[in-house]
Structure formats: structure tokens, C-alpha cells
Amino acid sequence: MLRLGLVLIAIQSVLGAQIVGNLTVLSYNVAGLPELLSSGNPAVNTPLISPRLKPYSIINVQEDFNYHAALYASDNHAFRTPTSGGAGIGSGLNSLSDFPYIDLARTKWTDCNLNSGDCLTPKGFTFARVRVSDGVWLDVYNMHTDAGSDAGDIAARGKNFAQVAAHIAAWSPGMPVLVMGDTNARYTRPGDGETLRGFLAGTGTTDLWVSKIRGGVAPALGADALVCEFPFAEGTPQATMDACETVDKIFVRPSAAVSFLALTFANANSAFLDSAGAPLSDHYPITSTISWKLSSSIRLGDTIGGPHGSAFNDIPSLLSTSSSMPKLASITIRGANRVDGLAYTVQHASGTSTSTSHGGTGGTANTLTLAGERVVKVQACSGQYSGNTRIFYLQLTTNTGRTVAAGKTTGDCLTTTVPADAGSPGAWGLVGFWGRDGNEVDRVAPIWGAVY
């Protein structure tokens, strides 16, 4: 995905940034268990689902087990996750996207309850960082939690949610987040209701069904479940289909770099019926249209490197003392054959300063102190070392032409420059980084701030 993504990145950088845009997302449990185990009719229905996925920008599917080839056969999304295997081997989780993604990871639940067969296949969640547009990176999570409603199921489900929340806290700080999947949870059910509310509060996400259909008020804990009729009777109004609660959910969170201007939620049942008007799965598909807008004061640049080390994003620390971005005061890049690490200091409007470092302490240190200038260009090169893709070279160039660099260039390099559109309240320049690191730097990308 990364190589194709970089080609699109280069093309879009020439054309300039798109400031606002829309994407339509879908979450769908496609009931792809083997025929004898499925409560649906996947051999017949999966080929009917496949071509109907076309209108959606990002799709998360669950129970995509033994009919995966049929699901992808009539679909034309450019970027699709490979199957992890059939029932008993894979998680059944896959994503289809119009946009390139990086850092795909599959994580198995640490807890499951034997009831409902949850321990018979490695259910869990997936993570992928999707490049929607120039400057718009979206962390997409797909999840399928423990099924059933006994005490063991509810306890395991709570731990499943906690596992996703911990991943968001570690890997998605400063990033907009989209979580979609089959949660098997209801707000009205004791145990589940607390889990859902705790997940939203802990991750800062919003449930779009609660927000857009129920005016921000979730069903009361312990109240009668708002179970959807299945199947819906012919002629059921869309408002009625939207009003009931499905266990399939869409959670979203904007970021300092990307805001969400408008959001919708709908039960997409009408788009996934057979010729007799019957649903194509035992779950209803749910959809949302998300309108996004790039910030005029902070942007994420494009990235190069590999899926190793731990994720970092400096936006939270940059904004930790004020809502306004600080200015870069000095930066040190350490390296020899590769980039070992980088460290920098920013100056806040209050006069205080903050220092941040990534990677290790090896190599030779090269430092640039800024005085009345700003970094406007970042060149980085990646290569293979000990089986991992790492950053081999990093050079920063200021608007006066001064540079600082470390490492050695390779044949795989990416040059990014400040956004072309006017920033507010000042001119664009480097203020921080996002990427991945360990004892060296594995992935790197600039964070631009309009503060100069």
C-alpha cells in the first residue's frame, strides 16, 4: 500500500491541498461464516453484497471468513486488506478503501468467553492509518467484540473495548479517529452500557447514532432495548430504521489538524436487499457521511519509513500549554549511516520552551538554531536495516536556505514542503513531527504550524 500511496502523494502535492471534503463510510457484518454455521446464506448473498460496496469511501466488514473472494470479486476499491484466513484461522475483519493506507496491524483479543464460539477463531481489531487527502490522515479501527449476553460475555466484551481504547491512547494521539464494527453491545444492557459510555469518555469519540439520531442522549441504562425489527417490513420509513439500536456502531473523533464539519448516520438496509426484499446478512449495514476540513494553523505532512517501533505524534505536546502553536527554536539530528534520533526545542507564545526527542542517542549530532527563520522543506530517505524499514537520511531546509542533515541518502526519498495555501495567523513552518521510533527513527513526517 505504501508504494502506491507515495505515487498518489506526489501527484496530489503538485495539485495542491484540498481544504474541505467528504467521505462516506460503511460498517457491515457480512455473515461470512461457513454455510453450516452461518445464520445467513453467504454463498448466495456475498456475491450480491460485493458490487454494492462501490459508493462507500471506507468500508469495515466483519465475519468476512469463508467467502472473502466473492466479497472482493465485484468490488473495485483500490486499497483492500488481505484476508487473514477463514473461520478458525482468521479474524474475519477486513477494510476496503478508496484511499491508500499504511501501518496495517491485526490484534487478537486477550480475553474471550467460550459461549457463542468466540474463542474458536482469533477475533479482535485492526488498525490502519488512511491518507484521505493531502494533510488528512485518519486512524481507522475495525472491531468485532465477544458475542453473547451472559456475565462472561459482558466481562470479556468490556475487556475488548478496553484493549481498543488502550491502542487508541498509545497509537492515535493527535490523530482523527474512526472506529467501526460489530460491538455486540447495547446502551440499555447493564455492563455493556457502562462499557460503551466509558469507551466514549476515555477515547474522546462520539457515537454517531447517539449524536445524530438521538440528539446526543444515549438510551437509559436498564431501559427496554431498542431492538430493530428483523427483517424490516416492506415500506418501513427510514426514520424508523434509524431509530432502533444496532450492535454495530460508528465512533468518530476529530483532531487539531482535521475538524469534522458535518456528520450523518443511517441504517443502510435498503441498499442491501435481495430481489425478494430480504437482507443480505443477519446484521444491518450502517453508514455515515463525514464532512472534513483542514486546519488553517496546523497540518500533518506526508510520511516515509516503515511499520516498526512505536507511534508518536507531537501535536498533543505542542498544544499542552496553549491552544496556539509554538515556534521551532532549534533542532538536532543525530546519525551516521542512518538517522539515529532527533531532538528539538520549541518556544511558546508565553515565553516558555519545551523540548522533545525521538529515536536514540547514537551517531553524530548536527544542530541548527533558528533565528528569525523557519523550516520550509523536509527531505527524508528510507532503507532496509536488519529486516526493517528505517529512516536513513533526514535534511531540513529553512526559508533562508540554511540546512541541517544527518545519515546517508538512498534511492527511496520523499521531499515535503510547507502547505501552499495561506496559513493563519502566520506563515507555515515546521513545528514538530509524527511517525514511529525505537532505538532509531523508523518513520518520520513533518507537522506544519502557521505561526511564523
Protein backbone atom coordinates (compact mmCIF):
# COMPACT_ATOMS: atom_id res chain seq x y z
CA MET A 1 0.00 0.00 0.00
CA LEU A 2 2.80 2.43 0.83
CA ARG A 3 4.41 2.44 -2.63
CA LEU A 4 1.10 3.16 -4.39
CA GLY A 5 0.31 5.69 -1.71
CA LEU A 6 3.53 7.62 -2.33
CA VAL A 7 2.72 7.87 -6.03
CA LEU A 8 -0.64 9.43 -5.20
CA ILE A 9 1.04 11.67 -2.64
CA ALA A 10 3.42 13.06 -5.26
CA ILE A 11 0.56 13.74 -7.69
CA GLN A 12 -1.64 15.43 -5.11
CA SER A 13 1.23 17.57 -3.78
CA VAL A 14 1.66 19.07 -7.24
CA LEU A 15 -2.06 19.81 -7.49
CA GLY A 16 -2.18 21.43 -4.04
CA ALA A 17 -4.13 20.67 -0.91
CA GLN A 18 -7.88 20.14 -0.82
CA ILE A 19 -9.09 22.11 2.20
CA VAL A 20 -12.53 20.51 2.63
CA GLY A 21 -14.02 17.20 1.54
CA ASN A 22 -16.42 14.36 2.23
CA LEU A 23 -16.12 10.64 2.75
CA THR A 24 -18.86 8.06 3.15
CA VAL A 25 -18.16 5.13 5.45
CA LEU A 26 -19.89 1.78 5.97
CA SER A 27 -19.70 -0.91 8.64
CA TYR A 28 -21.19 -4.30 7.79
CA ASN A 29 -21.10 -7.72 9.40
CA VAL A 30 -21.40 -9.79 6.22
CA ALA A 31 -22.21 -13.15 7.91
CA GLY A 32 -19.43 -15.00 6.11
CA LEU A 33 -19.15 -18.00 8.39
CA PRO A 34 -19.21 -21.41 6.69
CA GLU A 35 -22.68 -22.29 5.41
CA LEU A 36 -23.39 -24.79 8.18
CA LEU A 37 -22.52 -22.24 10.89
CA SER A 38 -23.90 -19.07 9.35
CA SER A 39 -27.34 -17.74 10.18
CA GLY A 40 -27.41 -16.18 6.72
CA ASN A 41 -26.96 -17.52 3.20
CA PRO A 42 -23.42 -16.35 2.40
CA ALA A 43 -22.85 -18.46 -0.72
CA VAL A 44 -25.75 -16.65 -2.41
CA ASN A 45 -25.64 -13.28 -0.66
CA THR A 46 -21.93 -12.44 -0.61
CA PRO A 47 -21.74 -12.03 -4.42
CA LEU A 48 -24.74 -9.68 -4.14
CA ILE A 49 -23.05 -7.60 -1.45
CA SER A 50 -19.81 -7.14 -3.39
CA PRO A 51 -20.89 -4.67 -6.14
CA ARG A 52 -22.98 -2.65 -3.69
CA LEU A 53 -19.91 -1.55 -1.76
CA LYS A 54 -18.86 0.84 -4.55
CA PRO A 55 -20.50 4.08 -3.24
CA TYR A 56 -18.62 3.99 0.07
CA SER A 57 -15.17 5.54 0.60
CA ILE A 58 -14.09 3.38 3.55
CA ILE A 59 -15.73 0.08 4.49
CA ASN A 60 -15.14 -2.12 7.52
CA VAL A 61 -16.53 -5.65 7.29
CA GLN A 62 -16.78 -8.30 9.99
CA GLU A 63 -17.23 -12.08 9.66
CA ASP A 64 -15.53 -11.95 6.27
CA PHE A 65 -14.39 -15.54 6.59
CA ASN A 66 -15.03 -18.25 4.01
CA TYR A 67 -16.48 -16.14 1.19
CA HIS A 68 -13.79 -13.46 1.07
CA ALA A 69 -13.02 -13.99 -2.63
CA ALA A 70 -16.68 -13.50 -3.51
CA LEU A 71 -16.85 -10.33 -1.41
CA TYR A 72 -13.93 -8.79 -3.30
CA ALA A 73 -14.82 -10.21 -6.73
CA SER A 74 -17.12 -7.41 -7.96
CA ASP A 75 -15.62 -4.63 -5.85
CA ASN A 76 -13.28 -2.02 -7.32
CA HIS A 77 -11.83 -0.22 -4.30
CA ALA A 78 -8.16 0.50 -4.95
CA PHE A 79 -6.97 -0.41 -1.46
CA ARG A 80 -8.18 -3.55 0.33
CA THR A 81 -6.75 -5.50 3.23
CA PRO A 82 -5.73 -9.11 2.53
CA THR A 83 -7.69 -11.84 4.25
CA SER A 84 -6.30 -13.28 7.47
CA GLY A 85 -7.98 -16.62 6.75
CA GLY A 86 -11.26 -18.47 7.02
CA ALA A 87 -13.20 -19.27 10.19
CA GLY A 88 -10.97 -20.77 12.87
CA ILE A 89 -7.87 -19.16 11.35
CA GLY A 90 -8.62 -15.50 10.66
CA SER A 91 -10.37 -12.66 12.47
CA GLY A 92 -12.96 -12.02 9.75
CA LEU A 93 -12.01 -8.33 9.77
CA ASN A 94 -11.21 -6.51 6.54
CA SER A 95 -11.32 -2.97 5.19
CA LEU A 96 -11.86 -1.62 1.69
CA SER A 97 -10.86 1.95 0.85
CA ASP A 98 -10.65 4.49 -1.94
CA PHE A 99 -7.56 5.85 -0.18
CA PRO A 100 -4.10 4.38 0.49
CA TYR A 101 -3.25 3.16 3.97
CA ILE A 102 -0.12 2.41 5.98
CA ASP A 103 0.76 0.51 9.15
CA LEU A 104 -1.98 -2.14 8.95
CA ALA A 105 -2.00 -4.16 12.17
CA ARG A 106 -4.21 -7.01 13.38
CA THR A 107 -4.57 -7.53 17.12
CA LYS A 108 -6.21 -10.54 18.77
CA TRP A 109 -8.36 -10.09 21.86
CA THR A 110 -6.60 -11.01 25.07
CA ASP A 111 -9.94 -12.17 26.54
CA CYS A 112 -12.82 -14.22 25.14
CA ASN A 113 -15.70 -16.21 26.60
CA LEU A 114 -16.32 -19.76 25.39
CA ASN A 115 -20.03 -19.03 25.00
CA SER A 116 -21.13 -18.26 21.39
CA GLY A 117 -17.93 -19.78 19.97
CA ASP A 118 -15.89 -16.61 20.44
CA CYS A 119 -12.69 -18.47 21.31
CA LEU A 120 -12.84 -20.70 18.22
CA THR A 121 -11.39 -18.04 15.90
CA PRO A 122 -8.93 -15.19 16.66
CA LYS A 123 -11.38 -12.29 16.83
CA GLY A 124 -10.01 -8.86 17.65
CA PHE A 125 -9.49 -5.50 15.99
CA THR A 126 -7.49 -3.97 13.16
CA PHE A 127 -5.75 -0.63 12.79
CA ALA A 128 -4.80 1.23 9.61
CA ARG A 129 -3.72 4.83 9.03
CA VAL A 130 -5.55 6.06 5.93
CA ARG A 131 -4.45 9.01 3.78
CA VAL A 132 -7.76 10.59 2.77
CA SER A 133 -6.20 13.68 1.20
CA ASP A 134 -3.12 15.89 1.43
CA GLY A 135 -2.83 16.58 5.17
CA VAL A 136 -5.78 14.36 6.11
CA TRP A 137 -4.66 11.17 7.85
CA LEU A 138 -7.37 9.13 9.56
CA ASP A 139 -6.76 6.29 12.03
CA VAL A 140 -9.33 3.60 11.16
CA TYR A 141 -10.19 0.83 13.63
CA ASN A 142 -12.30 -2.23 12.79
CA MET A 143 -13.57 -4.34 15.68
CA HIS A 144 -15.70 -7.40 16.42
CA THR A 145 -16.15 -7.98 20.13
CA ASP A 146 -17.17 -11.04 22.15
CA ALA A 147 -20.76 -12.11 21.41
CA GLY A 148 -23.48 -13.20 23.81
CA SER A 149 -25.22 -11.67 26.81
CA ASP A 150 -24.24 -13.73 29.85
CA ALA A 151 -21.93 -12.37 32.54
CA GLY A 152 -18.81 -13.89 30.98
CA ASP A 153 -19.62 -12.39 27.58
CA ILE A 154 -20.22 -8.93 29.02
CA ALA A 155 -17.00 -9.06 31.04
CA ALA A 156 -14.95 -10.20 28.02
CA ARG A 157 -16.58 -7.54 25.86
CA GLY A 158 -15.62 -4.86 28.35
CA LYS A 159 -12.01 -6.01 28.17
CA ASN A 160 -12.21 -5.97 24.35
CA PHE A 161 -13.28 -2.33 24.41
CA ALA A 162 -10.53 -1.53 26.92
CA GLN A 163 -7.98 -3.10 24.58
CA VAL A 164 -9.06 -0.86 21.69
CA ALA A 165 -9.10 2.19 23.97
CA ALA A 166 -5.54 1.43 25.10
CA HIS A 167 -4.40 1.16 21.48
CA ILE A 168 -6.02 4.50 20.63
CA ALA A 169 -4.29 6.11 23.61
CA ALA A 170 -0.91 4.72 22.57
CA TRP A 171 -1.07 4.93 18.78
CA SER A 172 -3.56 7.66 17.89
CA PRO A 173 -2.74 10.75 19.99
CA GLY A 174 -3.20 13.86 17.88
CA MET A 175 -4.91 11.90 15.10
CA PRO A 176 -8.53 11.91 13.94
CA VAL A 177 -10.09 8.52 14.67
CA LEU A 178 -12.81 6.38 13.06
CA VAL A 179 -13.91 3.21 14.89
CA MET A 180 -16.47 0.97 13.18
CA GLY A 181 -17.58 -2.56 13.82
CA ASP A 182 -19.83 -5.14 15.41
CA THR A 183 -19.64 -4.32 19.11
CA ASN A 184 -22.31 -6.81 20.29
CA ALA A 185 -23.13 -4.13 22.88
CA ARG A 186 -26.24 -2.11 23.75
CA TYR A 187 -26.54 1.04 25.84
CA THR A 188 -29.52 -0.39 27.73
CA ARG A 189 -27.81 -3.62 28.83
CA PRO A 190 -26.17 -3.50 32.29
CA GLY A 191 -22.43 -3.92 31.89
CA ASP A 192 -22.47 -3.01 28.20
CA GLY A 193 -23.95 0.40 28.87
CA GLU A 194 -21.15 1.29 31.27
CA THR A 195 -18.58 -0.09 28.83
CA LEU A 196 -19.87 1.99 25.92
CA ARG A 197 -20.07 5.19 27.94
CA GLY A 198 -16.62 4.60 29.41
CA PHE A 199 -15.12 3.94 25.98
CA LEU A 200 -16.53 7.17 24.55
CA ALA A 201 -15.35 9.22 27.52
CA GLY A 202 -11.91 7.63 27.60
CA THR A 203 -11.18 7.94 23.88
CA GLY A 204 -12.92 11.26 23.24
CA THR A 205 -15.01 9.67 20.50
CA THR A 206 -18.66 10.28 19.62
CA ASP A 207 -21.24 7.61 18.74
CA LEU A 208 -22.85 8.90 15.55
CA TRP A 209 -26.14 7.08 16.17
CA VAL A 210 -26.43 8.70 19.59
CA SER A 211 -25.29 12.09 18.29
CA LYS A 212 -27.24 12.36 15.03
CA ILE A 213 -30.33 10.21 15.63
CA ARG A 214 -30.91 10.63 19.36
CA GLY A 215 -29.79 14.21 19.79
CA GLY A 216 -26.78 13.24 21.89
CA VAL A 217 -28.73 11.26 24.51
CA ALA A 218 -27.99 7.53 24.71
CA PRO A 219 -30.77 5.11 25.75
CA ALA A 220 -31.01 4.82 29.53
CA LEU A 221 -29.14 2.02 31.22
CA GLY A 222 -31.61 -0.70 32.22
CA ALA A 223 -34.36 0.54 29.91
CA ASP A 224 -36.01 -1.73 27.35
CA ALA A 225 -33.67 -2.47 24.45
CA LEU A 226 -34.45 -0.59 21.23
CA VAL A 227 -34.13 -3.73 19.15
CA CYS A 228 -34.56 -3.37 15.40
CA GLU A 229 -37.26 -5.43 13.73
CA PHE A 230 -35.61 -8.10 11.59
CA PRO A 231 -36.26 -8.01 8.80
CA PHE A 232 -37.87 -4.61 8.47
CA ALA A 233 -41.34 -4.81 6.98
CA GLU A 234 -41.65 -3.54 3.43
CA GLY A 235 -42.24 0.19 3.44
CA THR A 236 -40.66 0.81 6.85
CA PRO A 237 -39.71 4.51 6.94
CA GLN A 238 -36.01 5.37 7.05
CA ALA A 239 -36.56 7.25 10.32
CA THR A 240 -37.87 4.06 11.94
CA MET A 241 -34.89 2.04 10.70
CA ASP A 242 -32.51 4.67 12.08
CA ALA A 243 -34.26 5.00 15.45
CA CYS A 244 -33.62 1.46 16.69
CA GLU A 245 -30.25 0.48 18.14
CA THR A 246 -27.99 -1.96 16.32
CA VAL A 247 -24.99 -3.53 17.99
CA ASP A 248 -22.99 -2.24 15.01
CA LYS A 249 -21.52 1.17 15.81
CA ILE A 250 -19.62 4.10 14.30
CA PHE A 251 -17.47 6.21 16.63
CA VAL A 252 -15.52 9.29 15.47
CA ARG A 253 -13.06 11.81 16.89
CA PRO A 254 -11.67 14.89 15.09
CA SER A 255 -8.22 16.33 15.77
CA ALA A 256 -6.46 19.68 15.95
CA ALA A 257 -5.41 19.22 12.32
CA VAL A 258 -8.73 17.94 10.90
CA SER A 259 -12.19 19.04 12.03
CA PHE A 260 -15.49 17.38 11.15
CA LEU A 261 -17.97 19.96 9.84
CA ALA A 262 -20.97 17.67 9.40
CA LEU A 263 -21.79 14.08 10.21
CA THR A 264 -24.71 11.82 9.33
CA PHE A 265 -25.87 8.37 10.39
CA ALA A 266 -28.20 5.93 8.65
CA ASN A 267 -29.20 2.28 8.64
CA ALA A 268 -28.31 1.22 5.07
CA ASN A 269 -30.71 -1.74 4.96
CA SER A 270 -32.44 -0.55 1.78
CA ALA A 271 -29.18 -0.70 -0.19
CA PHE A 272 -28.50 -4.34 0.71
CA LEU A 273 -31.65 -6.36 -0.08
CA ASP A 274 -32.10 -9.31 -2.42
CA SER A 275 -34.73 -9.46 -5.17
CA ALA A 276 -37.35 -10.60 -2.65
CA GLY A 277 -36.61 -7.67 -0.33
CA ALA A 278 -34.73 -9.75 2.27
CA PRO A 279 -31.50 -8.54 3.97
CA LEU A 280 -28.23 -9.93 2.60
CA SER A 281 -26.84 -10.54 6.11
CA ASP A 282 -28.10 -11.18 9.62
CA HIS A 283 -26.79 -7.71 10.56
CA TYR A 284 -27.90 -4.37 9.20
CA PRO A 285 -25.23 -2.24 7.48
CA ILE A 286 -24.74 1.23 8.95
CA THR A 287 -23.30 4.26 7.18
CA SER A 288 -22.19 7.84 7.74
CA THR A 289 -21.09 10.74 5.57
CA ILE A 290 -18.29 12.72 7.19
CA SER A 291 -17.50 16.26 6.01
CA TRP A 292 -13.97 17.27 7.00
CA LYS A 293 -11.91 20.46 6.94
CA LEU A 294 -8.17 21.02 7.25
CA SER A 295 -6.97 23.37 9.96
CA SER A 296 -5.57 26.72 8.83
CA SER A 297 -2.98 26.66 11.62
CA ILE A 298 -1.70 23.08 11.94
CA ARG A 299 -1.17 20.34 9.32
CA LEU A 300 0.28 16.87 9.04
CA GLY A 301 2.82 16.39 6.25
CA ASP A 302 3.39 13.18 4.32
CA THR A 303 5.42 10.32 5.71
CA ILE A 304 8.15 7.90 4.73
CA GLY A 305 9.55 4.89 6.57
CA GLY A 306 8.27 1.57 7.86
CA PRO A 307 5.77 -0.01 10.28
CA HIS A 308 8.24 -0.61 13.09
CA GLY A 309 8.87 0.86 16.51
CA SER A 310 6.24 2.80 18.45
CA ALA A 311 3.99 5.52 17.11
CA PHE A 312 4.47 9.15 18.11
CA ASN A 313 2.67 12.39 17.30
CA ASP A 314 3.88 15.68 18.76
CA ILE A 315 0.60 17.61 18.39
CA PRO A 316 -0.60 16.95 21.98
CA SER A 317 2.69 18.11 23.48
CA LEU A 318 2.86 21.13 21.16
CA LEU A 319 -0.57 22.23 22.38
CA SER A 320 -0.10 21.17 26.01
CA THR A 321 0.36 24.70 27.38
CA SER A 322 -1.73 26.72 24.93
CA SER A 323 -4.17 26.36 22.05
CA SER A 324 -1.74 28.30 19.83
CA MET A 325 1.20 26.60 18.14
CA PRO A 326 4.78 27.30 19.31
CA LYS A 327 7.72 28.15 17.05
CA LEU A 328 10.70 25.89 16.41
CA ALA A 329 13.77 27.34 18.16
CA SER A 330 16.42 24.68 17.49
CA ILE A 331 16.73 21.13 16.20
CA THR A 332 19.38 18.42 16.40
CA ILE A 333 19.54 15.41 14.07
CA ARG A 334 21.78 12.50 15.07
CA GLY A 335 23.08 9.97 12.58
CA ALA A 336 25.86 8.21 10.68
CA ASN A 337 24.77 5.50 8.24
CA ARG A 338 21.16 6.07 9.32
CA VAL A 339 19.19 8.59 11.36
CA ASP A 340 19.59 7.57 14.99
CA GLY A 341 17.45 10.27 16.53
CA LEU A 342 16.22 13.83 16.51
CA ALA A 343 15.57 16.37 19.24
CA TYR A 344 14.15 19.85 19.11
CA THR A 345 13.04 22.76 21.25
CA VAL A 346 10.01 24.97 20.62
CA GLN A 347 9.26 28.42 22.01
CA HIS A 348 5.72 29.10 23.19
CA ALA A 349 3.97 32.47 22.97
CA SER A 350 4.18 32.69 26.77
CA GLY A 351 7.98 32.65 26.57
CA THR A 352 8.35 29.12 27.93
CA SER A 353 10.07 26.39 25.95
CA THR A 354 9.51 22.65 25.53
CA SER A 355 11.99 20.02 24.32
CA THR A 356 11.08 16.77 22.56
CA SER A 357 13.16 13.85 21.27
CA HIS A 358 12.57 10.74 19.16
CA GLY A 359 14.75 7.72 18.42
CA GLY A 360 18.09 7.02 20.07
CA THR A 361 21.26 8.86 21.06
CA GLY A 362 23.79 7.28 18.71
CA GLY A 363 25.50 8.87 15.73
CA THR A 364 26.92 12.36 15.28
CA ALA A 365 24.80 15.31 16.40
CA ASN A 366 24.13 18.13 13.94
CA THR A 367 22.28 21.16 15.31
CA LEU A 368 20.52 24.11 13.69
CA THR A 369 19.49 27.09 15.79
CA LEU A 370 16.78 29.20 14.19
CA ALA A 371 16.80 32.99 14.38
CA GLY A 372 14.03 34.76 12.52
CA GLU A 373 13.63 31.91 10.04
CA ARG A 374 11.51 28.79 9.59
CA VAL A 375 11.98 25.29 8.20
CA VAL A 376 10.01 25.05 4.96
CA LYS A 377 11.25 21.78 3.43
CA VAL A 378 11.87 18.28 4.77
CA GLN A 379 13.70 15.59 2.80
CA ALA A 380 13.82 12.06 4.20
CA CYS A 381 15.10 8.78 2.76
CA SER A 382 14.35 5.24 3.91
CA GLY A 383 16.08 1.90 3.52
CA GLN A 384 16.32 -1.62 4.92
CA TYR A 385 18.33 -2.49 8.02
CA SER A 386 18.09 -5.81 9.87
CA GLY A 387 14.88 -6.61 8.00
CA ASN A 388 13.16 -3.36 8.98
CA THR A 389 12.49 -0.18 7.03
CA ARG A 390 14.12 2.77 8.77
CA ILE A 391 14.97 6.40 8.11
CA PHE A 392 18.45 6.60 6.60
CA TYR A 393 18.61 10.33 5.89
CA LEU A 394 16.90 13.49 7.08
CA GLN A 395 17.54 17.05 5.89
CA LEU A 396 15.71 20.22 6.90
CA THR A 397 15.89 23.45 4.88
CA THR A 398 14.88 26.91 6.08
CA ASN A 399 13.37 29.77 4.10
CA THR A 400 16.83 31.39 4.05
CA GLY A 401 18.43 28.27 2.54
CA ARG A 402 20.24 27.02 5.64
CA THR A 403 20.16 23.26 6.23
CA VAL A 404 20.81 20.61 8.83
CA ALA A 405 21.09 16.91 7.98
CA ALA A 406 22.28 13.50 9.14
CA GLY A 407 22.56 10.00 7.70
CA LYS A 408 23.03 8.82 4.12
CA THR A 409 20.68 9.17 1.15
CA THR A 410 19.08 6.15 -0.54
CA GLY A 411 17.04 5.58 -3.67
CA ASP A 412 13.78 5.90 -1.74
CA CYS A 413 13.34 9.54 -0.72
CA LEU A 414 10.44 11.91 -0.15
CA THR A 415 10.55 15.72 -0.11
CA THR A 416 7.71 17.61 1.53
CA THR A 417 7.22 21.37 1.69
CA VAL A 418 5.02 23.72 3.68
CA PRO A 419 1.34 23.92 2.67
CA ALA A 420 0.70 26.10 -0.37
CA ASP A 421 -2.46 27.75 0.95
CA ALA A 422 -2.28 30.73 3.29
CA GLY A 423 -1.99 29.84 6.94
CA SER A 424 -3.50 31.66 9.89
CA PRO A 425 -2.35 33.52 11.94
CA GLY A 426 1.11 33.40 10.31
CA ALA A 427 3.27 31.74 7.66
CA TRP A 428 3.76 27.96 7.61
CA GLY A 429 6.85 26.35 9.09
CA LEU A 430 7.99 23.17 10.85
CA VAL A 431 6.87 22.85 14.48
CA GLY A 432 7.14 19.10 15.17
CA PHE A 433 6.97 15.56 13.83
CA TRP A 434 4.84 12.44 13.70
CA GLY A 435 5.99 8.91 12.88
CA ARG A 436 7.42 5.82 14.59
CA ASP A 437 10.61 5.21 16.53
CA GLY A 438 12.58 2.88 18.75
CA ASN A 439 16.34 3.00 19.21
CA GLU A 440 16.39 4.72 15.80
CA VAL A 441 13.80 6.55 13.70
CA ASP A 442 11.58 4.17 11.72
CA ARG A 443 9.07 6.59 10.18
CA VAL A 444 9.02 10.38 10.03
CA ALA A 445 6.77 13.16 8.78
CA PRO A 446 6.55 16.89 9.50
CA ILE A 447 3.94 18.80 11.46
CA TRP A 448 3.49 22.27 9.99
CA GLY A 449 2.31 25.25 12.01
CA ALA A 450 1.17 28.64 10.68
CA VAL A 451 2.89 30.67 13.39
CA TYR A 452 5.82 32.45 11.71
